[in-house]
Amino acid sequence: MEKQIKLAASLYKCRDTAARFFREEYAEKLKPYIHIIKAVMKANELNELKAMLKISQSETYQENGMTQLLFMAAAVEMMEPSEEFLTQTKEQ
């Protein structure tokens, strides 16, 4: 159980970091990552976390820290959208 709690805390930290970094552009920045996660979910019949884990095995993911951050933030927003994300997506 401790592992799951630490993983969840890390994912939420990534989401919060990305939201602070991108501010008003946050939801827009996540769109392509959400699209990719949804495609992997559909193609492999996976949930958000398992799809993200599959994506994390790719070379592109492993070579780019910002990509990692945005994929993790996107996965968290898909599972439990933050107020900031919901507000930004309503404005678009």
Protein backbone atom coordinates (compact mmCIF):
# COMPACT_ATOMS: atom_id res chain seq x y z
CA MET A 1 0.00 0.00 0.00
CA GLU A 2 2.88 2.37 0.75
CA LYS A 3 4.16 2.05 -2.84
CA GLN A 4 0.77 3.06 -4.26
CA ILE A 5 0.55 6.08 -1.97
CA LYS A 6 4.05 7.22 -2.94
CA LEU A 7 3.25 6.74 -6.63
CA ALA A 8 0.04 8.74 -6.31
CA ALA A 9 1.88 11.52 -4.47
CA SER A 10 4.52 11.65 -7.22
CA LEU A 11 1.87 11.83 -9.93
CA TYR A 12 0.01 14.65 -8.19
CA LYS A 13 3.29 16.48 -7.68
CA CYS A 14 3.97 16.25 -11.42
CA ARG A 15 0.49 17.56 -12.16
CA ASP A 16 0.90 20.48 -9.78
CA THR A 17 4.35 21.31 -11.15
CA ALA A 18 3.09 21.30 -14.74
CA ALA A 19 0.09 23.45 -13.81
CA ARG A 20 2.32 26.02 -12.10
CA PHE A 21 4.83 26.03 -14.94
CA PHE A 22 2.36 26.43 -17.81
CA ARG A 23 -0.30 28.46 -15.96
CA GLU A 24 -2.92 29.65 -18.49
CA GLU A 25 -1.56 27.32 -21.19
CA TYR A 26 -1.75 24.21 -18.98
CA ALA A 27 -4.87 22.56 -20.41
CA GLU A 28 -3.81 23.33 -23.97
CA LYS A 29 -0.35 21.80 -23.37
CA LEU A 30 -1.93 18.58 -22.09
CA LYS A 31 -4.22 18.03 -25.12
CA PRO A 32 -1.77 16.02 -27.26
CA TYR A 33 -0.71 13.92 -24.26
CA ILE A 34 -4.31 13.14 -23.33
CA HIS A 35 -4.97 12.23 -26.97
CA ILE A 36 -2.03 9.79 -27.00
CA ILE A 37 -3.00 8.22 -23.67
CA LYS A 38 -6.57 7.72 -24.91
CA ALA A 39 -5.30 6.10 -28.11
CA VAL A 40 -3.05 3.71 -26.17
CA MET A 41 -5.91 2.94 -23.78
CA LYS A 42 -8.23 2.09 -26.65
CA ALA A 43 -5.69 0.09 -28.68
CA ASN A 44 -4.58 -2.00 -25.70
CA GLU A 45 -7.73 -2.01 -23.53
CA LEU A 46 -5.89 -0.36 -20.63
CA ASN A 47 -6.77 2.19 -17.98
CA GLU A 48 -5.00 5.56 -17.74
CA LEU A 49 -2.16 4.42 -15.49
CA LYS A 50 -1.40 1.23 -17.38
CA ALA A 51 -1.48 3.16 -20.67
CA MET A 52 0.95 5.69 -19.24
CA LEU A 53 3.22 2.87 -18.06
CA LYS A 54 3.19 1.42 -21.57
CA ILE A 55 4.03 4.84 -23.02
CA SER A 56 6.83 5.23 -20.47
CA GLN A 57 8.66 2.32 -22.10
CA SER A 58 9.11 4.31 -25.32
CA GLU A 59 12.43 5.91 -26.16
CA THR A 60 10.85 9.33 -26.72
CA TYR A 61 9.36 9.28 -23.24
CA GLN A 62 12.58 8.18 -21.59
CA GLU A 63 14.71 10.82 -23.29
CA ASN A 64 12.67 13.89 -22.41
CA GLY A 65 11.92 14.99 -18.85
CA MET A 66 9.28 17.53 -19.91
CA THR A 67 7.48 14.84 -21.90
CA GLN A 68 7.48 12.62 -18.82
CA LEU A 69 6.06 15.42 -16.70
CA LEU A 70 3.29 16.21 -19.19
CA PHE A 71 2.27 12.57 -19.68
CA MET A 72 2.02 12.11 -15.92
CA ALA A 73 0.04 15.33 -15.51
CA ALA A 74 -2.28 14.30 -18.35
CA ALA A 75 -2.91 10.89 -16.80
CA VAL A 76 -3.78 12.46 -13.44
CA GLU A 77 -6.12 14.99 -15.09
CA MET A 78 -7.88 12.17 -16.93
CA MET A 79 -8.46 10.29 -13.68
CA GLU A 80 -9.24 13.22 -11.41
CA PRO A 81 -9.39 16.63 -13.11
CA SER A 82 -8.14 19.58 -11.08
CA GLU A 83 -10.17 22.77 -10.72
CA GLU A 84 -7.59 24.62 -12.81
CA PHE A 85 -7.87 22.09 -15.64
CA LEU A 86 -11.66 22.10 -15.56
CA THR A 87 -11.74 25.90 -15.58
CA GLN A 88 -9.34 26.13 -18.52
CA THR A 89 -11.16 23.50 -20.57
CA LYS A 90 -14.49 25.30 -20.04
CA GLU A 91 -12.97 28.52 -21.35
CA GLN A 92 -11.83 26.90 -24.61
